[in-house]
Each structure stands twice: as C-alpha cells, then as structure tokens.
Amino acid sequence: MRFIPTRFHGILDYVVGLLFIAAPWLFGFSDVGDATWVMVVAGILILLQTIFTDFEVGLIHKIPMQSHLMVDFGLGVILALSPWLFSFADRVYMPHLIGGVFAILASLTTHRRPSEAFSRHHATHDTIH
C-alpha cells in the first residue's frame, strides 16, 4: 500500500541524508571506521539521488521516481545488513539496521509517480524549452 506522497518522501530524503552523514558523531560510533563510512556514504548517496530525481523537490530532474524507489530499497537492504557484511556488528549495528529498514519501508510505501500538479507543470515547462 503506497500512501506517502513523493514530495514528503523527498523532504524526508534531505533530512535523512543529512542525519545519516551526522549519525556517527550524533550516536557515538565515529571511532568505528567501517560503520562511519557506510553511514556517511549512504547519506551522500541519498542526497545525490534526491537532487537528481524527477519529482517535486529534485533539483536536476533526471532519475525517474520508480528508479529512485528501487535504489532506496537496495540501499536499505545493504545498509541494514552492513554491520554483518563488513564485520562491525560487535561494535555497532542498530543505526544501520534501523536506517536500512526505514529506507526499505519508505521505498515500499511511497507513491511511484509525483503529483499530478508537478507532472503537469513539469510537462508544460519541458515543452517551453
């Protein structure tokens, strides 16, 4: 069941991307190298993907929303499993697991297409140029 509007998803992406980048310092695992890098890279990827997605809050409209959601799902799986994949689960795992599950759930519950108003405006804007 998809109930999250794409605009809200995009705003969340900006917030979550920044939160992931800051998470190692906010949650006290910045001394665990692999755990830090996984979270920071995930945050950067989320921000870049959001900037390039063709939806209400994207800045460079190149990535279709459906592709964005598929990447969110894949990134969520990797993030959730990363403590065990990269062998740092004995030091920290909860931020990665929670962040990954959140990304998976967001990918499965967000609308696949931007709002009608955005699509109409974007189509009109594209034909002008």
C-alpha atoms as a PDB file:
ATOM      1  CA  MET A   1       0.000   0.000   0.000  1.00  0.00           C
ATOM      2  CA  ARG A   2       1.531   3.274  -1.133  1.00  0.00           C
ATOM      3  CA  PHE A   3       0.411   6.289   0.881  1.00  0.00           C
ATOM      4  CA  ILE A   4       3.469   8.563   1.190  1.00  0.00           C
ATOM      5  CA  PRO A   5       3.394  11.466  -1.307  1.00  0.00           C
ATOM      6  CA  THR A   6       6.581  11.879  -3.335  1.00  0.00           C
ATOM      7  CA  ARG A   7       7.018  15.459  -2.098  1.00  0.00           C
ATOM      8  CA  PHE A   8       7.043  14.290   1.536  1.00  0.00           C
ATOM      9  CA  HIS A   9       9.408  11.428   0.630  1.00  0.00           C
ATOM     10  CA  GLY A  10      11.798  13.922  -0.943  1.00  0.00           C
ATOM     11  CA  ILE A  11      11.792  16.220   2.072  1.00  0.00           C
ATOM     12  CA  LEU A  12      12.450  13.180   4.272  1.00  0.00           C
ATOM     13  CA  ASP A  13      15.332  12.201   1.954  1.00  0.00           C
ATOM     14  CA  TYR A  14      17.076  15.515   2.537  1.00  0.00           C
ATOM     15  CA  VAL A  15      16.617  15.232   6.320  1.00  0.00           C
ATOM     16  CA  VAL A  16      17.598  11.547   6.478  1.00  0.00           C
ATOM     17  CA  GLY A  17      20.593  12.053   4.173  1.00  0.00           C
ATOM     18  CA  LEU A  18      21.950  14.745   6.476  1.00  0.00           C
ATOM     19  CA  LEU A  19      21.107  12.658   9.553  1.00  0.00           C
ATOM     20  CA  PHE A  20      22.994   9.658   8.145  1.00  0.00           C
ATOM     21  CA  ILE A  21      26.053  11.817   7.464  1.00  0.00           C
ATOM     22  CA  ALA A  22      25.985  13.149  11.039  1.00  0.00           C
ATOM     23  CA  ALA A  23      24.939   9.846  12.672  1.00  0.00           C
ATOM     24  CA  PRO A  24      28.415   8.541  13.583  1.00  0.00           C
ATOM     25  CA  TRP A  25      29.047  11.664  15.685  1.00  0.00           C
ATOM     26  CA  LEU A  26      25.482  12.008  16.973  1.00  0.00           C
ATOM     27  CA  PHE A  27      25.254   8.376  18.085  1.00  0.00           C
ATOM     28  CA  GLY A  28      28.854   7.876  19.176  1.00  0.00           C
ATOM     29  CA  PHE A  29      30.281   5.402  16.698  1.00  0.00           C
ATOM     30  CA  SER A  30      32.645   7.693  14.776  1.00  0.00           C
ATOM     31  CA  ASP A  31      35.571   5.640  16.125  1.00  0.00           C
ATOM     32  CA  VAL A  32      34.334   2.590  14.163  1.00  0.00           C
ATOM     33  CA  GLY A  33      35.783   3.298  10.712  1.00  0.00           C
ATOM     34  CA  ASP A  34      33.695   0.976   8.536  1.00  0.00           C
ATOM     35  CA  ALA A  35      30.476   1.827  10.365  1.00  0.00           C
ATOM     36  CA  THR A  36      31.168   5.533   9.935  1.00  0.00           C
ATOM     37  CA  TRP A  37      31.984   5.307   6.244  1.00  0.00           C
ATOM     38  CA  VAL A  38      28.978   3.130   5.433  1.00  0.00           C
ATOM     39  CA  MET A  39      26.617   5.619   7.077  1.00  0.00           C
ATOM     40  CA  VAL A  40      28.280   8.714   5.585  1.00  0.00           C
ATOM     41  CA  VAL A  41      28.342   7.210   2.076  1.00  0.00           C
ATOM     42  CA  ALA A  42      24.677   6.175   2.420  1.00  0.00           C
ATOM     43  CA  GLY A  43      23.791   9.739   3.408  1.00  0.00           C
ATOM     44  CA  ILE A  44      25.694  11.217   0.474  1.00  0.00           C
ATOM     45  CA  LEU A  45      24.049   8.773  -1.952  1.00  0.00           C
ATOM     46  CA  ILE A  46      20.599   9.640  -0.610  1.00  0.00           C
ATOM     47  CA  LEU A  47      21.256  13.369  -1.037  1.00  0.00           C
ATOM     48  CA  LEU A  48      22.681  12.982  -4.551  1.00  0.00           C
ATOM     49  CA  GLN A  49      19.850  10.735  -5.676  1.00  0.00           C
ATOM     50  CA  THR A  50      17.266  13.177  -4.289  1.00  0.00           C
ATOM     51  CA  ILE A  51      18.897  16.118  -6.055  1.00  0.00           C
ATOM     52  CA  PHE A  52      18.778  14.200  -9.368  1.00  0.00           C
ATOM     53  CA  THR A  53      15.260  12.720  -9.052  1.00  0.00           C
ATOM     54  CA  ASP A  54      12.431  13.948 -11.272  1.00  0.00           C
ATOM     55  CA  PHE A  55       9.991  14.962  -8.541  1.00  0.00           C
ATOM     56  CA  GLU A  56       8.797  17.963  -6.581  1.00  0.00           C
ATOM     57  CA  VAL A  57      11.944  18.544  -4.526  1.00  0.00           C
ATOM     58  CA  GLY A  58      14.544  17.346  -7.026  1.00  0.00           C
ATOM     59  CA  LEU A  59      16.844  19.977  -8.468  1.00  0.00           C
ATOM     60  CA  ILE A  60      18.089  18.191 -11.603  1.00  0.00           C
ATOM     61  CA  HIS A  61      15.204  16.130 -12.961  1.00  0.00           C
ATOM     62  CA  LYS A  62      16.973  13.092 -14.450  1.00  0.00           C
ATOM     63  CA  ILE A  63      16.131  10.000 -12.339  1.00  0.00           C
ATOM     64  CA  PRO A  64      12.549   8.657 -12.619  1.00  0.00           C
ATOM     65  CA  MET A  65      10.736   8.237  -9.304  1.00  0.00           C
ATOM     66  CA  GLN A  66      10.351   4.485  -9.789  1.00  0.00           C
ATOM     67  CA  SER A  67      14.122   4.132 -10.215  1.00  0.00           C
ATOM     68  CA  HIS A  68      14.661   6.275  -7.114  1.00  0.00           C
ATOM     69  CA  LEU A  69      12.452   3.928  -5.092  1.00  0.00           C
ATOM     70  CA  MET A  70      14.270   0.834  -6.380  1.00  0.00           C
ATOM     71  CA  VAL A  71      17.622   2.340  -5.364  1.00  0.00           C
ATOM     72  CA  ASP A  72      16.146   3.240  -1.956  1.00  0.00           C
ATOM     73  CA  PHE A  73      15.118  -0.391  -1.496  1.00  0.00           C
ATOM     74  CA  GLY A  74      18.547  -1.742  -2.494  1.00  0.00           C
ATOM     75  CA  LEU A  75      20.393   0.809  -0.383  1.00  0.00           C
ATOM     76  CA  GLY A  76      18.136  -0.062   2.557  1.00  0.00           C
ATOM     77  CA  VAL A  77      18.949  -3.761   2.273  1.00  0.00           C
ATOM     78  CA  ILE A  78      22.690  -3.081   2.071  1.00  0.00           C
ATOM     79  CA  LEU A  79      22.563  -0.587   4.945  1.00  0.00           C
ATOM     80  CA  ALA A  80      20.549  -2.938   7.167  1.00  0.00           C
ATOM     81  CA  LEU A  81      22.945  -5.834   6.511  1.00  0.00           C
ATOM     82  CA  SER A  82      26.151  -3.750   6.514  1.00  0.00           C
ATOM     83  CA  PRO A  83      27.110  -4.395  10.158  1.00  0.00           C
ATOM     84  CA  TRP A  84      27.347  -8.109   9.363  1.00  0.00           C
ATOM     85  CA  LEU A  85      28.622  -7.727   5.792  1.00  0.00           C
ATOM     86  CA  PHE A  86      31.509  -5.507   6.932  1.00  0.00           C
ATOM     87  CA  SER A  87      32.017  -7.159  10.343  1.00  0.00           C
ATOM     88  CA  PHE A  88      31.334  -4.273  12.694  1.00  0.00           C
ATOM     89  CA  ALA A  89      28.130  -5.641  14.284  1.00  0.00           C
ATOM     90  CA  ASP A  90      30.014  -6.392  17.501  1.00  0.00           C
ATOM     91  CA  ARG A  91      30.649  -2.633  17.917  1.00  0.00           C
ATOM     92  CA  VAL A  92      27.536  -1.002  16.388  1.00  0.00           C
ATOM     93  CA  TYR A  93      24.568  -2.188  14.349  1.00  0.00           C
ATOM     94  CA  MET A  94      21.353  -0.502  15.448  1.00  0.00           C
ATOM     95  CA  PRO A  95      21.656   2.805  13.490  1.00  0.00           C
ATOM     96  CA  HIS A  96      22.415   0.884  10.292  1.00  0.00           C
ATOM     97  CA  LEU A  97      19.650  -1.655  10.842  1.00  0.00           C
ATOM     98  CA  ILE A  98      17.041   0.991  11.694  1.00  0.00           C
ATOM     99  CA  GLY A  99      18.149   3.270   8.835  1.00  0.00           C
ATOM    100  CA  GLY A 100      18.071   0.375   6.380  1.00  0.00           C
ATOM    101  CA  VAL A 101      14.631  -0.828   7.433  1.00  0.00           C
ATOM    102  CA  PHE A 102      13.381   2.780   7.256  1.00  0.00           C
ATOM    103  CA  ALA A 103      14.686   3.098   3.674  1.00  0.00           C
ATOM    104  CA  ILE A 104      13.066  -0.211   2.690  1.00  0.00           C
ATOM    105  CA  LEU A 105       9.710   0.781   4.195  1.00  0.00           C
ATOM    106  CA  ALA A 106       9.852   4.238   2.584  1.00  0.00           C
ATOM    107  CA  SER A 107      10.567   2.658  -0.809  1.00  0.00           C
ATOM    108  CA  LEU A 108       7.582   0.323  -0.465  1.00  0.00           C
ATOM    109  CA  THR A 109       5.082   2.914   0.763  1.00  0.00           C
ATOM    110  CA  THR A 110       5.837   5.975  -1.400  1.00  0.00           C
ATOM    111  CA  HIS A 111       3.780   6.727  -4.500  1.00  0.00           C
ATOM    112  CA  ARG A 112       5.556   5.704  -7.696  1.00  0.00           C
ATOM    113  CA  ARG A 113       4.729   8.938  -9.522  1.00  0.00           C
ATOM    114  CA  PRO A 114       4.982  12.597  -8.492  1.00  0.00           C
ATOM    115  CA  SER A 115       1.774  14.562  -8.005  1.00  0.00           C
ATOM    116  CA  GLU A 116      -0.434  15.435 -10.969  1.00  0.00           C
ATOM    117  CA  ALA A 117       0.250  19.142 -10.425  1.00  0.00           C
ATOM    118  CA  PHE A 118       4.020  18.600 -10.603  1.00  0.00           C
ATOM    119  CA  SER A 119       3.708  16.361 -13.660  1.00  0.00           C
ATOM    120  CA  ARG A 120       1.504  18.884 -15.500  1.00  0.00           C
ATOM    121  CA  HIS A 121       3.775  21.818 -14.630  1.00  0.00           C
ATOM    122  CA  HIS A 122       6.914  19.845 -15.482  1.00  0.00           C
ATOM    123  CA  ALA A 123       5.461  18.723 -18.844  1.00  0.00           C
ATOM    124  CA  THR A 124       4.491  22.318 -19.680  1.00  0.00           C
ATOM    125  CA  HIS A 125       7.905  23.602 -18.585  1.00  0.00           C
ATOM    126  CA  ASP A 126       9.678  20.977 -20.754  1.00  0.00           C
ATOM    127  CA  THR A 127       7.743  21.934 -23.884  1.00  0.00           C
ATOM    128  CA  ILE A 128       8.616  25.615 -23.440  1.00  0.00           C
ATOM    129  CA  HIS A 129      12.357  24.955 -23.586  1.00  0.00           C
END
